Structure formats: C-alpha cells, structure tokens
Amino acid sequence: VEVEVSVEVEDPTVASPSTLLALKESTGVDLSAIPREQVEFIRDQSRTAGNRAFASREFQEAINLYSQAIAADPLDKTLFANRSAAYLAQGRAEEAYQDALKAVKL
C-alpha cells in the first residue's frame, strides 16, 4: 500500500512576495536588489555558525542561525534537515517534523 502525504507547510523564515513588497514600501529596502554573492555569503556564514552552535549543544542559537540561512536560501534541503535536528534536540518534535518534511520535499 502506497500512501501519499501532502502537507503544505508555510515556513515563517521565508518571506512571501507580499511581505517583501510591504518591506520595500515601508522601508525602501528591496531585498531582490542584494547581490546574490552577498546572500550566499550570509547563508554560508550562518550555516557554519549554526553547525558550531549545534556541536556546542546551543540548540536555540543553532535554530536561529539555520533560520537565517534558510531565509537566504529557502531551497537548501540540508538547512531544513539541520534545523530539524536542532528542534528535535530541544524536544520540539512538531517543528522538527515540519522541517524534516520540507527537507524531503526539496
């Protein structure tokens, strides 16, 4: 028996187009104008710092850093898997599960 699971998870770390537009209108900041190299640098630095925090058992800090990296690259399945592990280490099973689903979908 094959069961298909379809779960739509809205990730709070990924800004919707309407949120980006509201940010641009209210602050004048156009996130799409940031050079891709800078976004990748932020992602990589956040991932590395998140890995260090996780290794040091600073799980909330790891979650925050992985979330920052996800905001920079919402299609990186490894970031969701890493954040899932950090949530699980904190006993936050539902959030860990949602991130694990997202990682598998990507």
N, C-alpha and C. Protein backbone atom coordinates (compact mmCIF):
# COMPACT_ATOMS: atom_id res chain seq x y z
N VAL A 1 0.85 -1.17 0.00
CA VAL A 1 0.00 0.00 0.00
C VAL A 1 0.89 1.23 0.00
N GLU A 2 0.65 2.09 -0.95
CA GLU A 2 1.40 3.32 -1.05
C GLU A 2 0.52 4.47 -0.61
N VAL A 3 1.04 5.28 0.29
CA VAL A 3 0.29 6.41 0.81
C VAL A 3 1.02 7.69 0.44
N GLU A 4 0.30 8.60 -0.15
CA GLU A 4 0.90 9.88 -0.49
C GLU A 4 0.56 10.89 0.60
N VAL A 5 1.59 11.55 1.09
CA VAL A 5 1.39 12.56 2.12
C VAL A 5 1.63 13.91 1.48
N SER A 6 0.64 14.76 1.59
CA SER A 6 0.74 16.11 1.06
C SER A 6 0.46 17.09 2.18
N VAL A 7 1.51 17.76 2.59
CA VAL A 7 1.37 18.72 3.68
C VAL A 7 1.94 20.04 3.21
N GLU A 8 1.12 21.05 3.24
CA GLU A 8 1.59 22.39 2.90
C GLU A 8 2.05 23.07 4.18
N VAL A 9 3.31 23.37 4.23
CA VAL A 9 3.89 24.00 5.40
C VAL A 9 4.34 25.39 5.01
N GLU A 10 3.78 26.37 5.66
CA GLU A 10 4.23 27.74 5.41
C GLU A 10 5.40 28.01 6.33
N ASP A 11 6.54 28.23 5.75
CA ASP A 11 7.75 28.44 6.54
C ASP A 11 7.85 29.91 6.94
N PRO A 12 7.86 30.19 8.24
CA PRO A 12 7.90 31.58 8.68
C PRO A 12 9.22 32.27 8.39
N THR A 13 10.24 31.50 8.01
CA THR A 13 11.53 32.12 7.73
C THR A 13 11.66 32.57 6.29
N VAL A 14 10.70 32.22 5.45
CA VAL A 14 10.74 32.60 4.04
C VAL A 14 9.69 33.67 3.80
N ALA A 15 10.15 34.81 3.39
CA ALA A 15 9.25 35.94 3.19
C ALA A 15 8.40 35.73 1.94
N SER A 16 7.12 35.99 2.08
CA SER A 16 6.21 35.89 0.94
C SER A 16 6.39 37.13 0.06
N PRO A 17 5.93 37.06 -1.19
CA PRO A 17 6.03 38.24 -2.06
C PRO A 17 5.33 39.46 -1.46
N SER A 18 4.20 39.25 -0.79
CA SER A 18 3.51 40.40 -0.20
C SER A 18 4.31 41.00 0.96
N THR A 19 5.00 40.15 1.70
CA THR A 19 5.85 40.64 2.79
C THR A 19 7.02 41.44 2.24
N LEU A 20 7.63 40.93 1.16
CA LEU A 20 8.74 41.65 0.54
C LEU A 20 8.29 42.99 0.00
N LEU A 21 7.10 43.04 -0.59
CA LEU A 21 6.57 44.29 -1.11
C LEU A 21 6.29 45.26 0.03
N ALA A 22 5.70 44.78 1.11
CA ALA A 22 5.42 45.64 2.27
C ALA A 22 6.71 46.18 2.85
N LEU A 23 7.75 45.35 2.92
CA LEU A 23 9.05 45.79 3.43
C LEU A 23 9.62 46.89 2.54
N LYS A 24 9.52 46.69 1.23
CA LYS A 24 10.04 47.69 0.30
C LYS A 24 9.28 49.00 0.42
N GLU A 25 7.95 48.92 0.53
CA GLU A 25 7.14 50.13 0.64
C GLU A 25 7.37 50.86 1.96
N SER A 26 7.56 50.12 3.05
CA SER A 26 7.69 50.76 4.35
C SER A 26 9.11 51.24 4.66
N THR A 27 10.11 50.55 4.10
CA THR A 27 11.49 50.89 4.44
C THR A 27 12.32 51.34 3.25
N GLY A 28 11.83 51.03 2.05
CA GLY A 28 12.61 51.35 0.87
C GLY A 28 13.66 50.29 0.55
N VAL A 29 13.70 49.19 1.33
CA VAL A 29 14.69 48.13 1.12
C VAL A 29 14.12 47.11 0.14
N ASP A 30 14.84 46.90 -0.94
CA ASP A 30 14.45 45.91 -1.94
C ASP A 30 15.41 44.73 -1.81
N LEU A 31 14.94 43.66 -1.14
CA LEU A 31 15.81 42.52 -0.91
C LEU A 31 16.26 41.85 -2.19
N SER A 32 15.46 41.97 -3.24
CA SER A 32 15.85 41.35 -4.51
C SER A 32 17.04 42.07 -5.14
N ALA A 33 17.35 43.27 -4.66
CA ALA A 33 18.45 44.05 -5.21
C ALA A 33 19.80 43.68 -4.58
N ILE A 34 19.79 42.85 -3.55
CA ILE A 34 21.04 42.45 -2.90
C ILE A 34 21.75 41.46 -3.81
N PRO A 35 23.03 41.70 -4.10
CA PRO A 35 23.77 40.80 -4.98
C PRO A 35 23.76 39.36 -4.45
N ARG A 36 23.59 38.42 -5.35
CA ARG A 36 23.50 37.00 -4.99
C ARG A 36 24.72 36.54 -4.20
N GLU A 37 25.90 37.07 -4.51
CA GLU A 37 27.12 36.68 -3.81
C GLU A 37 27.03 37.02 -2.32
N GLN A 38 26.43 38.17 -2.02
CA GLN A 38 26.28 38.56 -0.61
C GLN A 38 25.28 37.66 0.10
N VAL A 39 24.21 37.31 -0.58
CA VAL A 39 23.22 36.41 0.01
C VAL A 39 23.85 35.05 0.27
N GLU A 40 24.64 34.55 -0.67
CA GLU A 40 25.31 33.26 -0.49
C GLU A 40 26.32 33.33 0.65
N PHE A 41 27.01 34.44 0.78
CA PHE A 41 27.96 34.61 1.88
C PHE A 41 27.24 34.55 3.23
N ILE A 42 26.12 35.25 3.33
CA ILE A 42 25.32 35.24 4.56
C ILE A 42 24.85 33.82 4.86
N ARG A 43 24.36 33.13 3.84
CA ARG A 43 23.90 31.74 4.01
C ARG A 43 25.03 30.86 4.54
N ASP A 44 26.19 30.94 3.90
CA ASP A 44 27.31 30.08 4.29
C ASP A 44 27.81 30.39 5.69
N GLN A 45 27.89 31.67 6.03
CA GLN A 45 28.35 32.05 7.36
C GLN A 45 27.35 31.61 8.43
N SER A 46 26.07 31.76 8.13
CA SER A 46 25.03 31.35 9.07
C SER A 46 25.04 29.84 9.26
N ARG A 47 25.21 29.10 8.17
CA ARG A 47 25.25 27.63 8.25
C ARG A 47 26.44 27.18 9.12
N THR A 48 27.60 27.75 8.86
CA THR A 48 28.81 27.38 9.62
C THR A 48 28.64 27.69 11.09
N ALA A 49 28.12 28.87 11.38
CA ALA A 49 27.91 29.25 12.79
C ALA A 49 26.84 28.35 13.43
N GLY A 50 25.81 27.99 12.67
CA GLY A 50 24.78 27.08 13.16
C GLY A 50 25.35 25.72 13.48
N ASN A 51 26.23 25.23 12.63
CA ASN A 51 26.87 23.94 12.88
C ASN A 51 27.71 23.98 14.16
N ARG A 52 28.42 25.09 14.35
CA ARG A 52 29.22 25.23 15.57
C ARG A 52 28.32 25.28 16.81
N ALA A 53 27.24 26.03 16.72
CA ALA A 53 26.32 26.13 17.85
C ALA A 53 25.72 24.76 18.17
N PHE A 54 25.34 24.02 17.14
CA PHE A 54 24.78 22.68 17.35
C PHE A 54 25.80 21.79 18.03
N ALA A 55 27.04 21.80 17.55
CA ALA A 55 28.09 20.97 18.14
C ALA A 55 28.35 21.33 19.60
N SER A 56 28.11 22.60 19.93
CA SER A 56 28.28 23.08 21.31
C SER A 56 27.02 22.89 22.15
N ARG A 57 26.01 22.25 21.57
CA ARG A 57 24.73 21.98 22.23
C ARG A 57 23.96 23.27 22.54
N GLU A 58 24.21 24.31 21.79
CA GLU A 58 23.47 25.57 21.90
C GLU A 58 22.37 25.52 20.83
N PHE A 59 21.36 24.72 21.10
CA PHE A 59 20.38 24.38 20.08
C PHE A 59 19.51 25.55 19.64
N GLN A 60 19.12 26.42 20.56
CA GLN A 60 18.31 27.58 20.15
C GLN A 60 19.11 28.50 19.24
N GLU A 61 20.36 28.70 19.57
CA GLU A 61 21.23 29.53 18.71
C GLU A 61 21.38 28.87 17.34
N ALA A 62 21.53 27.56 17.31
CA ALA A 62 21.63 26.85 16.03
C ALA A 62 20.35 27.05 15.22
N ILE A 63 19.20 26.95 15.86
CA ILE A 63 17.92 27.15 15.18
C ILE A 63 17.86 28.55 14.58
N ASN A 64 18.25 29.54 15.35
CA ASN A 64 18.23 30.92 14.86
C ASN A 64 19.15 31.09 13.65
N LEU A 65 20.32 30.51 13.72
CA LEU A 65 21.28 30.65 12.62
C LEU A 65 20.84 29.88 11.38
N TYR A 66 20.32 28.67 11.56
CA TYR A 66 19.81 27.93 10.41
C TYR A 66 18.62 28.67 9.79
N SER A 67 17.79 29.28 10.62
CA SER A 67 16.65 30.06 10.10
C SER A 67 17.14 31.22 9.26
N GLN A 68 18.20 31.86 9.70
CA GLN A 68 18.78 32.97 8.94
C GLN A 68 19.31 32.46 7.60
N ALA A 69 19.97 31.31 7.62
CA ALA A 69 20.49 30.74 6.38
C ALA A 69 19.35 30.35 5.45
N ILE A 70 18.26 29.81 6.01
CA ILE A 70 17.10 29.43 5.21
C ILE A 70 16.47 30.66 4.56
N ALA A 71 16.44 31.76 5.27
CA ALA A 71 15.90 32.99 4.69
C ALA A 71 16.71 33.41 3.47
N ALA A 72 18.00 33.13 3.49
CA ALA A 72 18.86 33.46 2.36
C ALA A 72 18.75 32.44 1.23
N ASP A 73 18.45 31.18 1.59
CA ASP A 73 18.36 30.13 0.56
C ASP A 73 17.28 29.13 0.96
N PRO A 74 16.03 29.44 0.67
CA PRO A 74 14.92 28.59 1.09
C PRO A 74 14.79 27.28 0.32
N LEU A 75 15.71 27.00 -0.59
CA LEU A 75 15.66 25.75 -1.35
C LEU A 75 16.77 24.77 -0.95
N ASP A 76 17.50 25.09 0.11
CA ASP A 76 18.59 24.23 0.57
C ASP A 76 18.04 23.22 1.58
N LYS A 77 17.88 21.97 1.13
CA LYS A 77 17.28 20.94 1.99
C LYS A 77 18.12 20.63 3.21
N THR A 78 19.44 20.78 3.10
CA THR A 78 20.31 20.48 4.23
C THR A 78 20.06 21.44 5.39
N LEU A 79 19.76 22.69 5.08
CA LEU A 79 19.48 23.66 6.14
C LEU A 79 18.23 23.26 6.91
N PHE A 80 17.20 22.80 6.21
CA PHE A 80 15.98 22.36 6.88
C PHE A 80 16.25 21.11 7.72
N ALA A 81 17.07 20.20 7.19
CA ALA A 81 17.41 18.99 7.94
C ALA A 81 18.20 19.34 9.20
N ASN A 82 19.13 20.27 9.08
CA ASN A 82 19.91 20.69 10.24
C ASN A 82 19.03 21.36 11.29
N ARG A 83 18.14 22.23 10.84
CA ARG A 83 17.26 22.90 11.80
C ARG A 83 16.31 21.89 12.44
N SER A 84 15.88 20.90 11.67
CA SER A 84 15.05 19.83 12.21
C SER A 84 15.76 19.12 13.35
N ALA A 85 17.03 18.80 13.15
CA ALA A 85 17.80 18.12 14.19
C ALA A 85 17.92 18.98 15.44
N ALA A 86 18.09 20.28 15.25
CA ALA A 86 18.19 21.19 16.40
C ALA A 86 16.86 21.27 17.15
N TYR A 87 15.76 21.34 16.41
CA TYR A 87 14.44 21.32 17.05
C TYR A 87 14.26 20.02 17.84
N LEU A 88 14.63 18.91 17.24
CA LEU A 88 14.46 17.62 17.90
C LEU A 88 15.30 17.55 19.17
N ALA A 89 16.51 18.09 19.11
CA ALA A 89 17.38 18.11 20.29
C ALA A 89 16.77 18.91 21.44
N GLN A 90 15.90 19.84 21.11
CA GLN A 90 15.20 20.63 22.13
C GLN A 90 13.88 20.00 22.55
N GLY A 91 13.54 18.88 21.94
CA GLY A 91 12.27 18.23 22.26
C GLY A 91 11.08 18.86 21.57
N ARG A 92 11.32 19.61 20.53
CA ARG A 92 10.26 20.29 19.78
C ARG A 92 9.91 19.45 18.55
N ALA A 93 9.24 18.32 18.81
CA ALA A 93 9.01 17.30 17.80
C ALA A 93 8.20 17.80 16.61
N GLU A 94 7.16 18.59 16.84
CA GLU A 94 6.32 19.04 15.73
C GLU A 94 7.11 19.93 14.77
N GLU A 95 7.89 20.85 15.31
CA GLU A 95 8.70 21.72 14.45
C GLU A 95 9.77 20.90 13.72
N ALA A 96 10.35 19.94 14.42
CA ALA A 96 11.35 19.06 13.79
C ALA A 96 10.72 18.29 12.64
N TYR A 97 9.53 17.78 12.86
CA TYR A 97 8.81 17.03 11.84
C TYR A 97 8.51 17.90 10.61
N GLN A 98 8.03 19.11 10.84
CA GLN A 98 7.70 20.01 9.73
C GLN A 98 8.95 20.32 8.89
N ASP A 99 10.08 20.57 9.55
CA ASP A 99 11.32 20.85 8.80
C ASP A 99 11.81 19.61 8.08
N ALA A 100 11.65 18.44 8.70
CA ALA A 100 12.04 17.19 8.03
C ALA A 100 11.21 16.97 6.77
N LEU A 101 9.91 17.24 6.86
CA LEU A 101 9.04 17.13 5.67
C LEU A 101 9.50 18.08 4.57
N LYS A 102 9.82 19.29 4.96
CA LYS A 102 10.26 20.29 3.98
C LYS A 102 11.57 19.82 3.31
N ALA A 103 12.49 19.28 4.11
CA ALA A 103 13.76 18.80 3.57
C ALA A 103 13.53 17.67 2.55
N VAL A 104 12.61 16.77 2.87
CA VAL A 104 12.33 15.65 1.97
C VAL A 104 11.67 16.15 0.69
N LYS A 105 10.77 17.13 0.81
CA LYS A 105 10.09 17.68 -0.37
C LYS A 105 11.06 18.38 -1.32
N LEU A 106 12.12 18.96 -0.75
CA LEU A 106 13.08 19.67 -1.59
C LEU A 106 14.00 18.68 -2.28
